[in-house]
Amino acid sequence: MYGYKCEYCNGVVREKLLKREVFKHRTGFVMLENVPVGVCDKCGYRYYHSTILQKVEDIANGKQLPERTEIIPVANLR
């Protein structure tokens, strides 16, 4: 699925398995674990397969339940 040229720098997009990846959605954030992602070996730009983005959409919209929910620490920088 990968091995093509990056559209931003002409590097090569290679598959990388990420332990965790956080996605911003209009309804909040979704974290996926063990995510296969295309990553440019030169600039680091990430490419996501449509099935990954659909899973984020389904979890964010409540069509699929997450395995668990984690609490994220928040700090005020003022």
PDB file of N, CA and C in Angstrom:
ATOM      1  N   MET A   1       0.822  -1.192   0.000  1.00  0.00           N
ATOM      2  CA  MET A   1       0.000   0.000   0.000  1.00  0.00           C
ATOM      3  C   MET A   1       0.868   1.259   0.000  1.00  0.00           C
ATOM      4  N   TYR A   2       2.062   1.183   0.575  1.00  0.00           N
ATOM      5  CA  TYR A   2       2.938   2.351   0.625  1.00  0.00           C
ATOM      6  C   TYR A   2       4.117   2.140  -0.313  1.00  0.00           C
ATOM      7  N   GLY A   3       5.057   3.068  -0.301  1.00  0.00           N
ATOM      8  CA  GLY A   3       6.200   2.993  -1.188  1.00  0.00           C
ATOM      9  C   GLY A   3       6.144   4.054  -2.278  1.00  0.00           C
ATOM     10  N   TYR A   4       5.151   4.945  -2.210  1.00  0.00           N
ATOM     11  CA  TYR A   4       5.017   5.995  -3.208  1.00  0.00           C
ATOM     12  C   TYR A   4       5.717   7.271  -2.738  1.00  0.00           C
ATOM     13  N   LYS A   5       5.842   8.234  -3.640  1.00  0.00           N
ATOM     14  CA  LYS A   5       6.514   9.503  -3.346  1.00  0.00           C
ATOM     15  C   LYS A   5       5.608  10.407  -2.510  1.00  0.00           C
ATOM     16  N   CYS A   6       6.203  11.097  -1.547  1.00  0.00           N
ATOM     17  CA  CYS A   6       5.490  12.081  -0.734  1.00  0.00           C
ATOM     18  C   CYS A   6       5.095  13.253  -1.624  1.00  0.00           C
ATOM     19  N   GLU A   7       3.886  13.743  -1.440  1.00  0.00           N
ATOM     20  CA  GLU A   7       3.415  14.858  -2.260  1.00  0.00           C
ATOM     21  C   GLU A   7       4.012  16.200  -1.844  1.00  0.00           C
ATOM     22  N   TYR A   8       4.711  16.256  -0.698  1.00  0.00           N
ATOM     23  CA  TYR A   8       5.257  17.511  -0.206  1.00  0.00           C
ATOM     24  C   TYR A   8       6.749  17.677  -0.440  1.00  0.00           C
ATOM     25  N   CYS A   9       7.509  16.567  -0.394  1.00  0.00           N
ATOM     26  CA  CYS A   9       8.964  16.716  -0.488  1.00  0.00           C
ATOM     27  C   CYS A   9       9.628  15.698  -1.409  1.00  0.00           C
ATOM     28  N   ASN A  10       8.875  14.817  -2.007  1.00  0.00           N
ATOM     29  CA  ASN A  10       9.400  13.761  -2.873  1.00  0.00           C
ATOM     30  C   ASN A  10      10.191  12.693  -2.131  1.00  0.00           C
ATOM     31  N   GLY A  11      10.037  12.619  -0.808  1.00  0.00           N
ATOM     32  CA  GLY A  11      10.582  11.494  -0.057  1.00  0.00           C
ATOM     33  C   GLY A  11       9.726  10.266  -0.364  1.00  0.00           C
ATOM     34  N   VAL A  12      10.021   9.146   0.282  1.00  0.00           N
ATOM     35  CA  VAL A  12       9.260   7.916   0.068  1.00  0.00           C
ATOM     36  C   VAL A  12       8.399   7.643   1.294  1.00  0.00           C
ATOM     37  N   VAL A  13       7.121   7.352   1.056  1.00  0.00           N
ATOM     38  CA  VAL A  13       6.178   7.057   2.136  1.00  0.00           C
ATOM     39  C   VAL A  13       6.288   5.569   2.463  1.00  0.00           C
ATOM     40  N   ARG A  14       6.616   5.288   3.726  1.00  0.00           N
ATOM     41  CA  ARG A  14       6.788   3.903   4.169  1.00  0.00           C
ATOM     42  C   ARG A  14       5.841   3.615   5.326  1.00  0.00           C
ATOM     43  N   GLU A  15       5.419   2.351   5.423  1.00  0.00           N
ATOM     44  CA  GLU A  15       4.509   1.978   6.499  1.00  0.00           C
ATOM     45  C   GLU A  15       5.250   1.924   7.828  1.00  0.00           C
ATOM     46  N   LYS A  16       4.602   2.453   8.845  1.00  0.00           N
ATOM     47  CA  LYS A  16       5.138   2.423  10.206  1.00  0.00           C
ATOM     48  C   LYS A  16       3.978   2.091  11.131  1.00  0.00           C
ATOM     49  N   LEU A  17       4.199   1.202  12.079  1.00  0.00           N
ATOM     50  CA  LEU A  17       3.172   0.853  13.049  1.00  0.00           C
ATOM     51  C   LEU A  17       3.380   1.718  14.290  1.00  0.00           C
ATOM     52  N   LEU A  18       2.412   2.588  14.568  1.00  0.00           N
ATOM     53  CA  LEU A  18       2.522   3.502  15.710  1.00  0.00           C
ATOM     54  C   LEU A  18       1.788   2.919  16.906  1.00  0.00           C
ATOM     55  N   LYS A  19       2.426   3.005  18.065  1.00  0.00           N
ATOM     56  CA  LYS A  19       1.817   2.483  19.286  1.00  0.00           C
ATOM     57  C   LYS A  19       0.521   3.220  19.599  1.00  0.00           C
ATOM     58  N   ARG A  20       0.554   4.545  19.473  1.00  0.00           N
ATOM     59  CA  ARG A  20      -0.639   5.369  19.705  1.00  0.00           C
ATOM     60  C   ARG A  20      -0.641   6.543  18.741  1.00  0.00           C
ATOM     61  N   GLU A  21      -1.826   6.883  18.288  1.00  0.00           N
ATOM     62  CA  GLU A  21      -2.002   8.058  17.431  1.00  0.00           C
ATOM     63  C   GLU A  21      -3.306   8.728  17.845  1.00  0.00           C
ATOM     64  N   VAL A  22      -3.252  10.043  18.067  1.00  0.00           N
ATOM     65  CA  VAL A  22      -4.428  10.804  18.486  1.00  0.00           C
ATOM     66  C   VAL A  22      -4.945  11.603  17.293  1.00  0.00           C
ATOM     67  N   PHE A  23      -6.242  11.523  17.082  1.00  0.00           N
ATOM     68  CA  PHE A  23      -6.900  12.218  15.985  1.00  0.00           C
ATOM     69  C   PHE A  23      -7.857  13.253  16.550  1.00  0.00           C
ATOM     70  N   LYS A  24      -7.840  14.465  15.997  1.00  0.00           N
ATOM     71  CA  LYS A  24      -8.804  15.486  16.383  1.00  0.00           C
ATOM     72  C   LYS A  24     -10.023  15.331  15.492  1.00  0.00           C
ATOM     73  N   HIS A  25     -11.183  15.335  16.117  1.00  0.00           N
ATOM     74  CA  HIS A  25     -12.454  15.227  15.413  1.00  0.00           C
ATOM     75  C   HIS A  25     -13.305  16.401  15.861  1.00  0.00           C
ATOM     76  N   ARG A  26     -14.273  16.781  15.073  1.00  0.00           N
ATOM     77  CA  ARG A  26     -15.098  17.947  15.449  1.00  0.00           C
ATOM     78  C   ARG A  26     -15.812  17.757  16.782  1.00  0.00           C
ATOM     79  N   THR A  27     -15.983  16.497  17.221  1.00  0.00           N
ATOM     80  CA  THR A  27     -16.634  16.241  18.504  1.00  0.00           C
ATOM     81  C   THR A  27     -15.637  15.993  19.631  1.00  0.00           C
ATOM     82  N   GLY A  28     -14.352  16.020  19.351  1.00  0.00           N
ATOM     83  CA  GLY A  28     -13.338  15.798  20.382  1.00  0.00           C
ATOM     84  C   GLY A  28     -12.127  15.074  19.825  1.00  0.00           C
ATOM     85  N   PHE A  29     -11.530  14.226  20.634  1.00  0.00           N
ATOM     86  CA  PHE A  29     -10.333  13.493  20.240  1.00  0.00           C
ATOM     87  C   PHE A  29     -10.585  11.993  20.337  1.00  0.00           C
ATOM     88  N   VAL A  30      -9.905  11.246  19.462  1.00  0.00           N
ATOM     89  CA  VAL A  30      -9.960   9.790  19.479  1.00  0.00           C
ATOM     90  C   VAL A  30      -8.525   9.286  19.410  1.00  0.00           C
ATOM     91  N   MET A  31      -8.172   8.364  20.307  1.00  0.00           N
ATOM     92  CA  MET A  31      -6.851   7.761  20.286  1.00  0.00           C
ATOM     93  C   MET A  31      -6.981   6.320  19.795  1.00  0.00           C
ATOM     94  N   LEU A  32      -6.175   5.969  18.805  1.00  0.00           N
ATOM     95  CA  LEU A  32      -6.116   4.595  18.320  1.00  0.00           C
ATOM     96  C   LEU A  32      -4.757   4.017  18.687  1.00  0.00           C
ATOM     97  N   GLU A  33      -4.723   2.729  18.932  1.00  0.00           N
ATOM     98  CA  GLU A  33      -3.477   2.043  19.262  1.00  0.00           C
ATOM     99  C   GLU A  33      -3.121   1.062  18.157  1.00  0.00           C
ATOM    100  N   ASN A  34      -1.810   0.849  17.976  1.00  0.00           N
ATOM    101  CA  ASN A  34      -1.290  -0.068  16.953  1.00  0.00           C
ATOM    102  C   ASN A  34      -1.821   0.290  15.571  1.00  0.00           C
ATOM    103  N   VAL A  35      -1.527   1.522  15.174  1.00  0.00           N
ATOM    104  CA  VAL A  35      -2.065   2.088  13.938  1.00  0.00           C
ATOM    105  C   VAL A  35      -1.035   2.002  12.807  1.00  0.00           C
ATOM    106  N   PRO A  36      -1.364   1.326  11.708  1.00  0.00           N
ATOM    107  CA  PRO A  36      -0.469   1.351  10.551  1.00  0.00           C
ATOM    108  C   PRO A  36      -0.643   2.678   9.808  1.00  0.00           C
ATOM    109  N   VAL A  37       0.460   3.414   9.684  1.00  0.00           N
ATOM    110  CA  VAL A  37       0.425   4.749   9.100  1.00  0.00           C
ATOM    111  C   VAL A  37       1.509   4.842   8.036  1.00  0.00           C
ATOM    112  N   GLY A  38       1.239   5.580   6.981  1.00  0.00           N
ATOM    113  CA  GLY A  38       2.271   5.886   5.998  1.00  0.00           C
ATOM    114  C   GLY A  38       3.013   7.127   6.461  1.00  0.00           C
ATOM    115  N   VAL A  39       4.343   7.039   6.583  1.00  0.00           N
ATOM    116  CA  VAL A  39       5.150   8.168   7.059  1.00  0.00           C
ATOM    117  C   VAL A  39       6.250   8.448   6.041  1.00  0.00           C
ATOM    118  N   CYS A  40       6.368   9.694   5.614  1.00  0.00           N
ATOM    119  CA  CYS A  40       7.423  10.078   4.681  1.00  0.00           C
ATOM    120  C   CYS A  40       8.775   9.939   5.372  1.00  0.00           C
ATOM    121  N   ASP A  41       9.716   9.270   4.719  1.00  0.00           N
ATOM    122  CA  ASP A  41      11.033   9.057   5.318  1.00  0.00           C
ATOM    123  C   ASP A  41      11.907  10.306   5.283  1.00  0.00           C
ATOM    124  N   LYS A  42      11.433  11.367   4.621  1.00  0.00           N
ATOM    125  CA  LYS A  42      12.214  12.597   4.542  1.00  0.00           C
ATOM    126  C   LYS A  42      11.633  13.708   5.422  1.00  0.00           C
ATOM    127  N   CYS A  43      10.341  14.019   5.244  1.00  0.00           N
ATOM    128  CA  CYS A  43       9.751  15.146   5.983  1.00  0.00           C
ATOM    129  C   CYS A  43       8.865  14.705   7.143  1.00  0.00           C
ATOM    130  N   GLY A  44       8.497  13.411   7.200  1.00  0.00           N
ATOM    131  CA  GLY A  44       7.697  12.912   8.309  1.00  0.00           C
ATOM    132  C   GLY A  44       6.201  13.087   8.162  1.00  0.00           C
ATOM    133  N   TYR A  45       5.739  13.621   7.021  1.00  0.00           N
ATOM    134  CA  TYR A  45       4.298  13.789   6.828  1.00  0.00           C
ATOM    135  C   TYR A  45       3.614  12.434   6.924  1.00  0.00           C
ATOM    136  N   ARG A  46       2.428  12.413   7.538  1.00  0.00           N
ATOM    137  CA  ARG A  46       1.717  11.151   7.760  1.00  0.00           C
ATOM    138  C   ARG A  46       0.540  11.008   6.810  1.00  0.00           C
ATOM    139  N   TYR A  47       0.372   9.794   6.321  1.00  0.00           N
ATOM    140  CA  TYR A  47      -0.732   9.448   5.428  1.00  0.00           C
ATOM    141  C   TYR A  47      -1.554   8.353   6.099  1.00  0.00           C
ATOM    142  N   TYR A  48      -2.879   8.551   6.136  1.00  0.00           N
ATOM    143  CA  TYR A  48      -3.771   7.601   6.798  1.00  0.00           C
ATOM    144  C   TYR A  48      -4.684   6.942   5.771  1.00  0.00           C
ATOM    145  N   HIS A  49      -4.823   5.631   5.863  1.00  0.00           N
ATOM    146  CA  HIS A  49      -5.738   4.908   4.990  1.00  0.00           C
ATOM    147  C   HIS A  49      -7.167   5.281   5.377  1.00  0.00           C
ATOM    148  N   SER A  50      -8.060   5.239   4.427  1.00  0.00           N
ATOM    149  CA  SER A  50      -9.450   5.640   4.670  1.00  0.00           C
ATOM    150  C   SER A  50     -10.121   4.788   5.747  1.00  0.00           C
ATOM    151  N   THR A  51      -9.709   3.537   5.902  1.00  0.00           N
ATOM    152  CA  THR A  51     -10.312   2.686   6.934  1.00  0.00           C
ATOM    153  C   THR A  51      -9.974   3.185   8.335  1.00  0.00           C
ATOM    154  N   ILE A  52      -8.790   3.758   8.502  1.00  0.00           N
ATOM    155  CA  ILE A  52      -8.393   4.332   9.795  1.00  0.00           C
ATOM    156  C   ILE A  52      -9.251   5.551  10.091  1.00  0.00           C
ATOM    157  N   LEU A  53      -9.400   6.420   9.112  1.00  0.00           N
ATOM    158  CA  LEU A  53     -10.200   7.633   9.311  1.00  0.00           C
ATOM    159  C   LEU A  53     -11.670   7.313   9.537  1.00  0.00           C
ATOM    160  N   GLN A  54     -12.171   6.260   8.905  1.00  0.00           N
ATOM    161  CA  GLN A  54     -13.559   5.842   9.118  1.00  0.00           C
ATOM    162  C   GLN A  54     -13.754   5.329  10.540  1.00  0.00           C
ATOM    163  N   LYS A  55     -12.770   4.605  11.070  1.00  0.00           N
ATOM    164  CA  LYS A  55     -12.850   4.106  12.443  1.00  0.00           C
ATOM    165  C   LYS A  55     -12.890   5.281  13.423  1.00  0.00           C
ATOM    166  N   VAL A  56     -12.072   6.305  13.184  1.00  0.00           N
ATOM    167  CA  VAL A  56     -12.083   7.510  14.029  1.00  0.00           C
ATOM    168  C   VAL A  56     -13.470   8.139  13.990  1.00  0.00           C
ATOM    169  N   GLU A  57     -14.025   8.276  12.797  1.00  0.00           N
ATOM    170  CA  GLU A  57     -15.365   8.861  12.627  1.00  0.00           C
ATOM    171  C   GLU A  57     -16.418   8.049  13.375  1.00  0.00           C
ATOM    172  N   ASP A  58     -16.366   6.733  13.252  1.00  0.00           N
ATOM    173  CA  ASP A  58     -17.351   5.871  13.905  1.00  0.00           C
ATOM    174  C   ASP A  58     -17.268   5.959  15.431  1.00  0.00           C
ATOM    175  N   ILE A  59     -16.063   5.995  15.971  1.00  0.00           N
ATOM    176  CA  ILE A  59     -15.898   6.104  17.430  1.00  0.00           C
ATOM    177  C   ILE A  59     -16.343   7.479  17.912  1.00  0.00           C
ATOM    178  N   ALA A  60     -15.942   8.522  17.197  1.00  0.00           N
ATOM    179  CA  ALA A  60     -16.295   9.887  17.599  1.00  0.00           C
ATOM    180  C   ALA A  60     -17.802  10.123  17.571  1.00  0.00           C
ATOM    181  N   ASN A  61     -18.490   9.483  16.639  1.00  0.00           N
ATOM    182  CA  ASN A  61     -19.936   9.679  16.503  1.00  0.00           C
ATOM    183  C   ASN A  61     -20.761   8.650  17.263  1.00  0.00           C
ATOM    184  N   GLY A  62     -20.094   7.770  18.019  1.00  0.00           N
ATOM    185  CA  GLY A  62     -20.804   6.794  18.833  1.00  0.00           C
ATOM    186  C   GLY A  62     -21.322   5.576  18.091  1.00  0.00           C
ATOM    187  N   LYS A  63     -20.923   5.396  16.837  1.00  0.00           N
ATOM    188  CA  LYS A  63     -21.340   4.218  16.076  1.00  0.00           C
ATOM    189  C   LYS A  63     -20.562   2.979  16.508  1.00  0.00           C
ATOM    190  N   GLN A  64     -19.391   3.183  17.067  1.00  0.00           N
ATOM    191  CA  GLN A  64     -18.578   2.085  17.600  1.00  0.00           C
ATOM    192  C   GLN A  64     -18.067   2.511  18.973  1.00  0.00           C
ATOM    193  N   LEU A  65     -18.179   1.625  19.943  1.00  0.00           N
ATOM    194  CA  LEU A  65     -17.716   1.943  21.289  1.00  0.00           C
ATOM    195  C   LEU A  65     -16.208   1.760  21.387  1.00  0.00           C
ATOM    196  N   PRO A  66     -15.536   2.656  22.115  1.00  0.00           N
ATOM    197  CA  PRO A  66     -14.102   2.478  22.326  1.00  0.00           C
ATOM    198  C   PRO A  66     -13.858   1.347  23.322  1.00  0.00           C
ATOM    199  N   GLU A  67     -12.656   0.773  23.296  1.00  0.00           N
ATOM    200  CA  GLU A  67     -12.315  -0.276  24.262  1.00  0.00           C
ATOM    201  C   GLU A  67     -12.223   0.288  25.672  1.00  0.00           C
ATOM    202  N   ARG A  68     -11.764   1.521  25.776  1.00  0.00           N
ATOM    203  CA  ARG A  68     -11.662   2.183  27.075  1.00  0.00           C
ATOM    204  C   ARG A  68     -11.581   3.694  26.848  1.00  0.00           C
ATOM    205  N   THR A  69     -11.727   4.436  27.921  1.00  0.00           N
ATOM    206  CA  THR A  69     -11.577   5.888  27.886  1.00  0.00           C
ATOM    207  C   THR A  69     -10.473   6.265  28.856  1.00  0.00           C
ATOM    208  N   GLU A  70      -9.575   7.148  28.425  1.00  0.00           N
ATOM    209  CA  GLU A  70      -8.479   7.581  29.287  1.00  0.00           C
ATOM    210  C   GLU A  70      -8.666   9.040  29.662  1.00  0.00           C
ATOM    211  N   ILE A  71      -8.150   9.393  30.824  1.00  0.00           N
ATOM    212  CA  ILE A  71      -8.193  10.775  31.291  1.00  0.00           C
ATOM    213  C   ILE A  71      -6.902  11.464  30.851  1.00  0.00           C
ATOM    214  N   ILE A  72      -7.028  12.667  30.299  1.00  0.00           N
ATOM    215  CA  ILE A  72      -5.871  13.413  29.824  1.00  0.00           C
ATOM    216  C   ILE A  72      -5.624  14.592  30.760  1.00  0.00           C
ATOM    217  N   PRO A  73      -4.397  14.738  31.286  1.00  0.00           N
ATOM    218  CA  PRO A  73      -4.088  15.871  32.162  1.00  0.00           C
ATOM    219  C   PRO A  73      -4.122  17.193  31.375  1.00  0.00           C
ATOM    220  N   VAL A  74      -4.608  18.224  32.028  1.00  0.00           N
ATOM    221  CA  VAL A  74      -4.693  19.558  31.412  1.00  0.00           C
ATOM    222  C   VAL A  74      -4.016  20.551  32.324  1.00  0.00           C
ATOM    223  N   ALA A  75      -3.199  21.452  31.744  1.00  0.00           N
ATOM    224  CA  ALA A  75      -2.530  22.479  32.528  1.00  0.00           C
ATOM    225  C   ALA A  75      -2.804  23.843  31.911  1.00  0.00           C
ATOM    226  N   ASN A  76      -2.977  24.853  32.742  1.00  0.00           N
ATOM    227  CA  ASN A  76      -3.174  26.226  32.294  1.00  0.00           C
ATOM    228  C   ASN A  76      -1.798  26.889  32.229  1.00  0.00           C
ATOM    229  N   LEU A  77      -1.467  27.499  31.104  1.00  0.00           N
ATOM    230  CA  LEU A  77      -0.138  28.096  30.926  1.00  0.00           C
ATOM    231  C   LEU A  77      -0.104  29.599  31.203  1.00  0.00           C
ATOM    232  N   ARG A  78      -1.158  30.131  31.784  1.00  0.00           N
ATOM    233  CA  ARG A  78      -1.134  31.572  32.111  1.00  0.00           C
ATOM    234  C   ARG A  78      -0.304  31.840  33.313  1.00  0.00           C
TER     235      ARG A  78
END
